[in-house]
C-alpha atoms as a PDB file:
ATOM      1  CA  MET A   1     -38.026 -39.512  11.206  1.00  0.00           C
ATOM      2  CA  PRO A   2     -40.504 -41.192  12.915  1.00  0.00           C
ATOM      3  CA  PRO A   3     -41.649 -40.009  16.262  1.00  0.00           C
ATOM      4  CA  ALA A   4     -39.553 -41.399  19.079  1.00  0.00           C
ATOM      5  CA  LYS A   5     -40.985 -44.039  20.880  1.00  0.00           C
ATOM      6  CA  LYS A   6     -41.320 -43.452  24.615  1.00  0.00           C
ATOM      7  CA  ARG A   7     -38.470 -44.835  26.650  1.00  0.00           C
ATOM      8  CA  THR A   8     -39.687 -47.325  29.712  1.00  0.00           C
ATOM      9  CA  ARG A   9     -36.298 -48.501  30.790  1.00  0.00           C
ATOM     10  CA  PRO A  10     -32.704 -47.083  30.780  1.00  0.00           C
ATOM     11  CA  ARG A  11     -30.775 -47.196  27.595  1.00  0.00           C
ATOM     12  CA  THR A  12     -28.203 -50.268  27.815  1.00  0.00           C
ATOM     13  CA  TYR A  13     -24.749 -50.069  25.839  1.00  0.00           C
ATOM     14  CA  ASP A  14     -22.560 -52.905  24.631  1.00  0.00           C
ATOM     15  CA  PRO A  15     -19.971 -53.351  27.096  1.00  0.00           C
ATOM     16  CA  ALA A  16     -17.541 -54.771  24.515  1.00  0.00           C
ATOM     17  CA  ARG A  17     -18.020 -51.613  22.378  1.00  0.00           C
ATOM     18  CA  THR A  18     -17.881 -49.304  25.292  1.00  0.00           C
ATOM     19  CA  ARG A  19     -14.374 -50.138  26.216  1.00  0.00           C
ATOM     20  CA  ALA A  20     -13.251 -50.399  22.619  1.00  0.00           C
ATOM     21  CA  ALA A  21     -14.230 -46.758  22.009  1.00  0.00           C
ATOM     22  CA  VAL A  22     -12.854 -45.801  25.529  1.00  0.00           C
ATOM     23  CA  LEU A  23      -9.416 -47.114  24.292  1.00  0.00           C
ATOM     24  CA  ALA A  24      -9.944 -45.856  20.516  1.00  0.00           C
ATOM     25  CA  GLN A  25     -10.672 -42.186  22.031  1.00  0.00           C
ATOM     26  CA  TYR A  26      -7.585 -42.112  24.300  1.00  0.00           C
ATOM     27  CA  GLY A  27      -5.351 -43.964  21.281  1.00  0.00           C
ATOM     28  CA  HIS A  28      -6.461 -40.536  19.473  1.00  0.00           C
ATOM     29  CA  VAL A  29      -5.483 -38.064  21.973  1.00  0.00           C
ATOM     30  CA  ARG A  30      -2.340 -40.004  22.551  1.00  0.00           C
ATOM     31  CA  ASP A  31      -1.121 -39.606  19.025  1.00  0.00           C
ATOM     32  CA  ALA A  32      -2.224 -35.917  18.977  1.00  0.00           C
ATOM     33  CA  VAL A  33      -0.549 -35.272  22.233  1.00  0.00           C
ATOM     34  CA  ARG A  34       2.631 -37.150  21.068  1.00  0.00           C
ATOM     35  CA  THR A  35       2.993 -34.577  18.303  1.00  0.00           C
ATOM     36  CA  LEU A  36       2.970 -31.122  20.921  1.00  0.00           C
ATOM     37  CA  THR A  37       5.691 -28.629  21.606  1.00  0.00           C
ATOM     38  CA  PRO A  38       6.282 -27.056  24.874  1.00  0.00           C
ATOM     39  CA  GLU A  39       4.691 -23.834  23.419  1.00  0.00           C
ATOM     40  CA  GLN A  40       1.382 -25.965  22.304  1.00  0.00           C
ATOM     41  CA  LEU A  41       1.705 -27.608  25.901  1.00  0.00           C
ATOM     42  CA  ALA A  42       1.449 -24.120  27.411  1.00  0.00           C
ATOM     43  CA  ALA A  43      -1.105 -22.674  25.179  1.00  0.00           C
ATOM     44  CA  PRO A  44      -4.572 -21.480  26.632  1.00  0.00           C
ATOM     45  CA  THR A  45      -7.658 -23.423  26.343  1.00  0.00           C
ATOM     46  CA  ARG A  46     -11.494 -22.633  26.701  1.00  0.00           C
ATOM     47  CA  LEU A  47     -11.691 -23.929  29.932  1.00  0.00           C
ATOM     48  CA  GLY A  48     -11.055 -21.066  31.989  1.00  0.00           C
ATOM     49  CA  ALA A  49      -6.960 -21.184  33.841  1.00  0.00           C
ATOM     50  CA  TRP A  50      -6.603 -24.648  32.291  1.00  0.00           C
ATOM     51  CA  THR A  51      -3.310 -24.801  29.749  1.00  0.00           C
ATOM     52  CA  VAL A  52      -3.324 -27.580  27.348  1.00  0.00           C
ATOM     53  CA  ARG A  53      -1.035 -29.388  29.900  1.00  0.00           C
ATOM     54  CA  ASP A  54      -3.307 -29.171  32.207  1.00  0.00           C
ATOM     55  CA  LEU A  55      -5.987 -30.501  29.948  1.00  0.00           C
ATOM     56  CA  VAL A  56      -3.660 -33.443  28.816  1.00  0.00           C
ATOM     57  CA  ALA A  57      -3.194 -34.132  32.838  1.00  0.00           C
ATOM     58  CA  HIS A  58      -6.861 -34.480  33.061  1.00  0.00           C
ATOM     59  CA  LEU A  59      -7.337 -36.838  30.214  1.00  0.00           C
ATOM     60  CA  ALA A  60      -4.782 -39.056  31.616  1.00  0.00           C
ATOM     61  CA  ALA A  61      -7.280 -38.770  34.971  1.00  0.00           C
ATOM     62  CA  VAL A  62     -10.135 -39.795  33.150  1.00  0.00           C
ATOM     63  CA  LEU A  63      -8.792 -43.213  32.688  1.00  0.00           C
ATOM     64  CA  GLY A  64      -7.033 -42.924  36.157  1.00  0.00           C
ATOM     65  CA  ALA A  65     -10.303 -42.579  37.766  1.00  0.00           C
ATOM     66  CA  VAL A  66     -11.429 -46.122  36.511  1.00  0.00           C
ATOM     67  CA  THR A  67      -8.263 -48.025  38.008  1.00  0.00           C
ATOM     68  CA  ARG A  68      -8.730 -46.004  41.332  1.00  0.00           C
ATOM     69  CA  LEU A  69     -12.590 -46.917  41.965  1.00  0.00           C
ATOM     70  CA  LEU A  70     -11.633 -50.528  40.942  1.00  0.00           C
ATOM     71  CA  GLU A  71      -8.919 -50.826  43.599  1.00  0.00           C
ATOM     72  CA  LEU A  72     -11.797 -49.228  46.486  1.00  0.00           C
ATOM     73  CA  PRO A  73     -13.727 -52.100  48.097  1.00  0.00           C
ATOM     74  CA  GLU A  74     -17.085 -52.894  45.958  1.00  0.00           C
ATOM     75  CA  PRO A  75     -20.520 -51.195  47.065  1.00  0.00           C
ATOM     76  CA  ALA A  76     -22.923 -54.400  48.321  1.00  0.00           C
ATOM     77  CA  ARG A  77     -25.465 -53.037  45.720  1.00  0.00           C
ATOM     78  CA  PRO A  78     -26.290 -50.572  43.382  1.00  0.00           C
ATOM     79  CA  GLY A  79     -27.469 -47.075  44.426  1.00  0.00           C
ATOM     80  CA  GLY A  80     -26.646 -44.729  41.883  1.00  0.00           C
ATOM     81  CA  ALA A  81     -28.249 -43.940  38.265  1.00  0.00           C
ATOM     82  CA  LEU A  82     -26.032 -43.656  35.084  1.00  0.00           C
ATOM     83  CA  LEU A  83     -28.220 -40.354  34.094  1.00  0.00           C
ATOM     84  CA  ASP A  84     -27.169 -38.719  37.702  1.00  0.00           C
ATOM     85  CA  TRP A  85     -23.608 -38.383  36.597  1.00  0.00           C
ATOM     86  CA  PRO A  86     -23.367 -35.141  34.954  1.00  0.00           C
ATOM     87  CA  SER A  87     -25.145 -33.502  37.980  1.00  0.00           C
ATOM     88  CA  ALA A  88     -22.378 -35.269  40.426  1.00  0.00           C
ATOM     89  CA  ILE A  89     -19.759 -34.100  37.797  1.00  0.00           C
ATOM     90  CA  VAL A  90     -20.659 -30.197  38.027  1.00  0.00           C
ATOM     91  CA  ALA A  91     -20.656 -30.349  42.103  1.00  0.00           C
ATOM     92  CA  ASP A  92     -17.151 -31.957  41.614  1.00  0.00           C
ATOM     93  CA  ALA A  93     -15.861 -29.333  39.196  1.00  0.00           C
ATOM     94  CA  PRO A  94     -13.418 -27.308  41.472  1.00  0.00           C
ATOM     95  CA  ASP A  95     -11.850 -30.387  43.012  1.00  0.00           C
ATOM     96  CA  ILE A  96     -11.354 -31.598  39.477  1.00  0.00           C
ATOM     97  CA  ALA A  97      -9.725 -28.437  37.872  1.00  0.00           C
ATOM     98  CA  ALA A  98      -7.507 -28.596  41.145  1.00  0.00           C
ATOM     99  CA  TYR A  99      -6.634 -32.052  40.960  1.00  0.00           C
ATOM    100  CA  ALA A 100      -5.672 -31.849  37.080  1.00  0.00           C
ATOM    101  CA  ARG A 101      -3.346 -28.580  37.713  1.00  0.00           C
ATOM    102  CA  ASP A 102      -1.212 -30.248  40.494  1.00  0.00           C
ATOM    103  CA  LEU A 103      -1.236 -33.306  37.997  1.00  0.00           C
ATOM    104  CA  ALA A 104       0.106 -31.403  35.329  1.00  0.00           C
ATOM    105  CA  ALA A 105       2.629 -29.574  37.376  1.00  0.00           C
ATOM    106  CA  ARG A 106       4.092 -33.087  38.765  1.00  0.00           C
ATOM    107  CA  GLN A 107       4.381 -34.856  35.184  1.00  0.00           C
ATOM    108  CA  PRO A 108       7.196 -33.530  32.883  1.00  0.00           C
ATOM    109  CA  ASP A 109       6.623 -35.694  30.273  1.00  0.00           C
ATOM    110  CA  PRO A 110       2.643 -35.862  29.497  1.00  0.00           C
ATOM    111  CA  ASP A 111       2.963 -38.386  26.718  1.00  0.00           C
ATOM    112  CA  ALA A 112       4.699 -40.921  29.315  1.00  0.00           C
ATOM    113  CA  HIS A 113       2.088 -40.066  31.613  1.00  0.00           C
ATOM    114  CA  LEU A 114      -0.699 -40.920  29.342  1.00  0.00           C
ATOM    115  CA  ALA A 115       1.055 -44.196  28.456  1.00  0.00           C
ATOM    116  CA  ALA A 116       1.307 -45.175  32.065  1.00  0.00           C
ATOM    117  CA  ALA A 117      -2.528 -44.498  32.324  1.00  0.00           C
ATOM    118  CA  GLU A 118      -3.501 -46.422  29.486  1.00  0.00           C
ATOM    119  CA  GLU A 119      -1.269 -49.308  30.611  1.00  0.00           C
ATOM    120  CA  ARG A 120      -2.780 -49.425  33.932  1.00  0.00           C
ATOM    121  CA  LEU A 121      -6.551 -49.435  32.654  1.00  0.00           C
ATOM    122  CA  ALA A 122      -5.909 -52.263  30.129  1.00  0.00           C
ATOM    123  CA  ALA A 123      -4.375 -54.345  33.129  1.00  0.00           C
ATOM    124  CA  ALA A 124      -7.581 -53.444  34.979  1.00  0.00           C
ATOM    125  CA  LEU A 125     -10.204 -54.076  32.355  1.00  0.00           C
ATOM    126  CA  ALA A 126      -8.238 -57.663  31.492  1.00  0.00           C
ATOM    127  CA  ALA A 127      -8.535 -58.705  35.506  1.00  0.00           C
ATOM    128  CA  HIS A 128     -12.510 -57.552  35.474  1.00  0.00           C
ATOM    129  CA  PRO A 129     -13.796 -59.133  32.103  1.00  0.00           C
ATOM    130  CA  GLY A 130     -16.924 -58.704  33.994  1.00  0.00           C
ATOM    131  CA  SER A 131     -18.564 -55.920  35.361  1.00  0.00           C
ATOM    132  CA  ARG A 132     -18.565 -54.443  39.197  1.00  0.00           C
ATOM    133  CA  LEU A 133     -20.060 -51.919  41.143  1.00  0.00           C
ATOM    134  CA  LEU A 134     -17.766 -48.986  41.712  1.00  0.00           C
ATOM    135  CA  ALA A 135     -18.583 -46.319  44.461  1.00  0.00           C
ATOM    136  CA  THR A 136     -18.549 -43.374  42.160  1.00  0.00           C
ATOM    137  CA  GLY A 137     -19.677 -39.579  42.807  1.00  0.00           C
ATOM    138  CA  ALA A 138     -23.266 -40.340  41.421  1.00  0.00           C
ATOM    139  CA  GLY A 139     -23.432 -43.195  43.411  1.00  0.00           C
ATOM    140  CA  ALA A 140     -22.794 -47.352  43.032  1.00  0.00           C
ATOM    141  CA  LEU A 141     -22.755 -47.651  38.994  1.00  0.00           C
ATOM    142  CA  SER A 142     -21.361 -50.622  37.407  1.00  0.00           C
ATOM    143  CA  LEU A 143     -18.259 -50.677  35.651  1.00  0.00           C
ATOM    144  CA  ASP A 144     -19.644 -50.842  32.088  1.00  0.00           C
ATOM    145  CA  GLU A 145     -22.020 -47.914  32.980  1.00  0.00           C
ATOM    146  CA  TYR A 146     -18.569 -45.962  34.599  1.00  0.00           C
ATOM    147  CA  LEU A 147     -17.094 -46.457  31.463  1.00  0.00           C
ATOM    148  CA  VAL A 148     -19.691 -44.901  29.057  1.00  0.00           C
ATOM    149  CA  THR A 149     -19.198 -41.685  31.505  1.00  0.00           C
ATOM    150  CA  ARG A 150     -15.635 -42.063  30.265  1.00  0.00           C
ATOM    151  CA  THR A 151     -16.410 -41.580  26.184  1.00  0.00           C
ATOM    152  CA  VAL A 152     -18.285 -38.664  27.215  1.00  0.00           C
ATOM    153  CA  GLU A 153     -14.762 -36.970  29.069  1.00  0.00           C
ATOM    154  CA  LEU A 154     -12.751 -38.100  26.526  1.00  0.00           C
ATOM    155  CA  VAL A 155     -15.177 -36.906  23.081  1.00  0.00           C
ATOM    156  CA  VAL A 156     -15.338 -33.634  24.956  1.00  0.00           C
ATOM    157  CA  HIS A 157     -11.935 -32.814  26.062  1.00  0.00           C
ATOM    158  CA  SER A 158     -10.505 -34.002  22.559  1.00  0.00           C
ATOM    159  CA  ASP A 159     -12.827 -31.192  21.096  1.00  0.00           C
ATOM    160  CA  ASP A 160     -11.487 -29.066  23.644  1.00  0.00           C
ATOM    161  CA  LEU A 161      -7.904 -29.840  22.581  1.00  0.00           C
ATOM    162  CA  ASN A 162      -8.915 -29.186  18.923  1.00  0.00           C
ATOM    163  CA  ALA A 163     -10.336 -25.713  19.699  1.00  0.00           C
ATOM    164  CA  ALA A 164      -7.068 -25.107  21.734  1.00  0.00           C
ATOM    165  CA  LEU A 165      -4.684 -25.746  19.107  1.00  0.00           C
ATOM    166  CA  PRO A 166      -6.372 -25.546  15.476  1.00  0.00           C
ATOM    167  CA  GLY A 167      -5.259 -28.052  12.805  1.00  0.00           C
ATOM    168  CA  LEU A 168      -4.401 -30.459  15.688  1.00  0.00           C
ATOM    169  CA  GLY A 169      -7.162 -32.334  14.566  1.00  0.00           C
ATOM    170  CA  VAL A 170      -8.185 -35.152  17.266  1.00  0.00           C
ATOM    171  CA  PRO A 171     -10.332 -37.573  15.368  1.00  0.00           C
ATOM    172  CA  LEU A 172     -13.270 -38.556  17.584  1.00  0.00           C
ATOM    173  CA  ASP A 173     -14.210 -42.387  17.401  1.00  0.00           C
ATOM    174  CA  ARG A 174     -17.759 -43.145  16.003  1.00  0.00           C
ATOM    175  CA  GLN A 175     -18.763 -45.447  18.818  1.00  0.00           C
ATOM    176  CA  ALA A 176     -17.247 -43.089  21.594  1.00  0.00           C
ATOM    177  CA  LEU A 177     -19.359 -40.238  20.273  1.00  0.00           C
ATOM    178  CA  ALA A 178     -22.387 -42.192  19.929  1.00  0.00           C
ATOM    179  CA  ALA A 179     -21.875 -43.175  23.152  1.00  0.00           C
ATOM    180  CA  ALA A 180     -21.257 -39.639  24.766  1.00  0.00           C
ATOM    181  CA  THR A 181     -23.943 -38.219  22.620  1.00  0.00           C
ATOM    182  CA  ARG A 182     -26.730 -40.779  23.862  1.00  0.00           C
ATOM    183  CA  LEU A 183     -25.587 -40.156  27.415  1.00  0.00           C
ATOM    184  CA  LEU A 184     -26.382 -36.565  27.329  1.00  0.00           C
ATOM    185  CA  ALA A 185     -29.629 -36.751  25.373  1.00  0.00           C
ATOM    186  CA  ASP A 186     -30.614 -39.199  27.951  1.00  0.00           C
ATOM    187  CA  ALA A 187     -29.907 -36.847  30.991  1.00  0.00           C
ATOM    188  CA  PHE A 188     -31.395 -34.196  29.396  1.00  0.00           C
ATOM    189  CA  ALA A 189     -34.663 -35.743  28.782  1.00  0.00           C
ATOM    190  CA  ALA A 190     -34.154 -36.909  32.427  1.00  0.00           C
ATOM    191  CA  ARG A 191     -33.758 -32.982  33.602  1.00  0.00           C
ATOM    192  CA  ALA A 192     -36.700 -32.085  31.469  1.00  0.00           C
ATOM    193  CA  PRO A 193     -39.070 -34.709  31.547  1.00  0.00           C
ATOM    194  CA  GLY A 194     -42.321 -34.762  29.117  1.00  0.00           C
ATOM    195  CA  GLY A 195     -43.584 -35.370  25.738  1.00  0.00           C
ATOM    196  CA  ALA A 196     -44.103 -31.832  24.222  1.00  0.00           C
ATOM    197  CA  THR A 197     -40.589 -31.697  22.176  1.00  0.00           C
ATOM    198  CA  GLU A 198     -38.845 -33.990  20.488  1.00  0.00           C
ATOM    199  CA  LEU A 199     -35.160 -33.893  20.668  1.00  0.00           C
ATOM    200  CA  ARG A 200     -33.552 -35.507  17.529  1.00  0.00           C
ATOM    201  CA  ILE A 201     -29.469 -36.045  17.123  1.00  0.00           C
ATOM    202  CA  PRO A 202     -29.138 -38.078  14.236  1.00  0.00           C
ATOM    203  CA  PRO A 203     -27.681 -40.995  13.339  1.00  0.00           C
ATOM    204  CA  TYR A 204     -27.556 -41.674  17.701  1.00  0.00           C
ATOM    205  CA  ALA A 205     -30.549 -40.614  19.716  1.00  0.00           C
ATOM    206  CA  VAL A 206     -33.989 -39.321  19.649  1.00  0.00           C
ATOM    207  CA  VAL A 207     -35.609 -38.652  22.952  1.00  0.00           C
ATOM    208  CA  GLN A 208     -39.162 -37.083  24.089  1.00  0.00           C
ATOM    209  CA  CYS A 209     -38.613 -34.096  26.810  1.00  0.00           C
ATOM    210  CA  VAL A 210     -40.277 -30.866  28.259  1.00  0.00           C
ATOM    211  CA  GLU A 211     -43.334 -30.504  30.181  1.00  0.00           C
ATOM    212  CA  GLY A 212     -46.280 -29.841  28.022  1.00  0.00           C
ATOM    213  CA  PRO A 213     -49.162 -32.001  25.452  1.00  0.00           C
ATOM    214  CA  ARG A 214     -47.685 -35.117  24.643  1.00  0.00           C
ATOM    215  CA  HIS A 215     -47.974 -35.596  20.333  1.00  0.00           C
ATOM    216  CA  THR A 216     -49.578 -39.318  20.070  1.00  0.00           C
ATOM    217  CA  ARG A 217     -49.029 -39.474  16.194  1.00  0.00           C
ATOM    218  CA  GLY A 218     -47.823 -37.742  12.580  1.00  0.00           C
ATOM    219  CA  THR A 219     -44.864 -35.039  13.108  1.00  0.00           C
ATOM    220  CA  PRO A 220     -44.328 -33.516  16.632  1.00  0.00           C
ATOM    221  CA  PRO A 221     -45.335 -29.929  16.864  1.00  0.00           C
ATOM    222  CA  ASN A 222     -42.018 -29.260  18.827  1.00  0.00           C
ATOM    223  CA  VAL A 223     -38.908 -30.161  17.127  1.00  0.00           C
ATOM    224  CA  VAL A 224     -34.898 -29.768  17.775  1.00  0.00           C
ATOM    225  CA  GLU A 225     -32.716 -31.415  15.516  1.00  0.00           C
ATOM    226  CA  THR A 226     -28.780 -31.010  15.817  1.00  0.00           C
ATOM    227  CA  ASP A 227     -25.690 -33.089  15.112  1.00  0.00           C
ATOM    228  CA  PRO A 228     -23.690 -34.903  17.721  1.00  0.00           C
ATOM    229  CA  LEU A 229     -20.956 -32.677  18.001  1.00  0.00           C
ATOM    230  CA  THR A 230     -22.897 -29.678  18.446  1.00  0.00           C
ATOM    231  CA  TRP A 231     -25.300 -31.345  20.996  1.00  0.00           C
ATOM    232  CA  ILE A 232     -22.241 -32.230  22.899  1.00  0.00           C
ATOM    233  CA  ARG A 233     -21.060 -28.546  22.842  1.00  0.00           C
ATOM    234  CA  LEU A 234     -24.647 -27.244  23.801  1.00  0.00           C
ATOM    235  CA  ALA A 235     -24.761 -29.805  27.102  1.00  0.00           C
ATOM    236  CA  THR A 236     -21.297 -29.109  28.129  1.00  0.00           C
ATOM    237  CA  GLY A 237     -21.521 -25.265  28.015  1.00  0.00           C
ATOM    238  CA  ARG A 238     -19.027 -24.787  25.030  1.00  0.00           C
ATOM    239  CA  LEU A 239     -21.381 -23.429  22.651  1.00  0.00           C
ATOM    240  CA  THR A 240     -24.646 -21.394  23.806  1.00  0.00           C
ATOM    241  CA  TRP A 241     -28.253 -22.336  22.668  1.00  0.00           C
ATOM    242  CA  ALA A 242     -28.508 -18.421  20.642  1.00  0.00           C
ATOM    243  CA  ASP A 243     -25.168 -18.898  18.823  1.00  0.00           C
ATOM    244  CA  ALA A 244     -26.235 -22.374  17.568  1.00  0.00           C
ATOM    245  CA  VAL A 245     -29.523 -21.360  16.348  1.00  0.00           C
ATOM    246  CA  GLU A 246     -27.915 -18.160  14.974  1.00  0.00           C
ATOM    247  CA  GLU A 247     -25.333 -20.191  13.170  1.00  0.00           C
ATOM    248  CA  ALA A 248     -27.970 -22.716  11.812  1.00  0.00           C
ATOM    249  CA  ARG A 249     -26.252 -25.621  13.385  1.00  0.00           C
ATOM    250  CA  VAL A 250     -29.626 -26.228  15.430  1.00  0.00           C
ATOM    251  CA  SER A 251     -33.105 -26.374  13.809  1.00  0.00           C
ATOM    252  CA  ALA A 252     -35.996 -25.685  16.276  1.00  0.00           C
ATOM    253  CA  SER A 253     -39.597 -25.412  15.647  1.00  0.00           C
ATOM    254  CA  GLY A 254     -42.651 -25.105  18.004  1.00  0.00           C
ATOM    255  CA  GLU A 255     -43.240 -22.990  20.845  1.00  0.00           C
ATOM    256  CA  ARG A 256     -41.416 -25.493  23.593  1.00  0.00           C
ATOM    257  CA  ALA A 257     -38.315 -25.793  21.078  1.00  0.00           C
ATOM    258  CA  ASP A 258     -36.421 -23.210  22.622  1.00  0.00           C
ATOM    259  CA  LEU A 259     -33.994 -25.020  24.703  1.00  0.00           C
ATOM    260  CA  SER A 260     -32.049 -22.375  26.313  1.00  0.00           C
ATOM    261  CA  ALA A 261     -32.987 -22.270  29.929  1.00  0.00           C
ATOM    262  CA  LEU A 262     -32.606 -25.909  30.281  1.00  0.00           C
ATOM    263  CA  LEU A 263     -29.067 -25.745  29.017  1.00  0.00           C
ATOM    264  CA  PRO A 264     -26.308 -26.841  29.550  1.00  0.00           C
ATOM    265  CA  LEU A 265     -26.306 -29.789  31.506  1.00  0.00           C
ATOM    266  CA  LEU A 266     -22.534 -29.927  32.768  1.00  0.00           C
ATOM    267  CA  THR A 267     -19.561 -27.280  32.131  1.00  0.00           C
END
């Protein structure tokens, strides 16, 4: 793979593809949840005290956040940055967890709850075919930008469902996986700016990161390469750097290729 080009402007995402990816991944979740028994809904997850039922309620809230923000007054001007979203979500984590558990307790039918959230989102997106600003925890982001964050939530928590219930097999939409991978790679590069290390996540992302001598030609002296799902697990704290290296899920070469001190981005 050739050296990555230095990014001089924020990455852009195709709005139509992002919207389709959000709905497609959510559809995969709905198909899986529809099959769950009460015992499976009560099963623990890798998210601390969250049960599968709590996780399902949170997934409905992932879409509900879009419709809720669209109902608020539009900010006067852009004031946020998409790459600040991971930090913002970490700060809000305790409130998000409490809300998910409360929501789960009030929703006896998880499938109906997911269906209602999907219907409301579809109506809201139809009413906003263009973009508008939303007052998010990361500042004023466009609707299109905020929908990219929904791909991260949906992909990460689809993987959480699969981990909690082996054999469930929630598929990952390719476009949703691509958007989630790119956002987390770019956020990592923003957190650890520099050009000493090249982080490769084929086929979706290549970014320059980490302080140190910048290479200008040929093979970079410090290279980290992994697959998209492993990267997402590393970035979100589902997998440790040490385990990923030991299990050969990550290839890391060079003195500045150890990213353990910089991960995870969010948990």
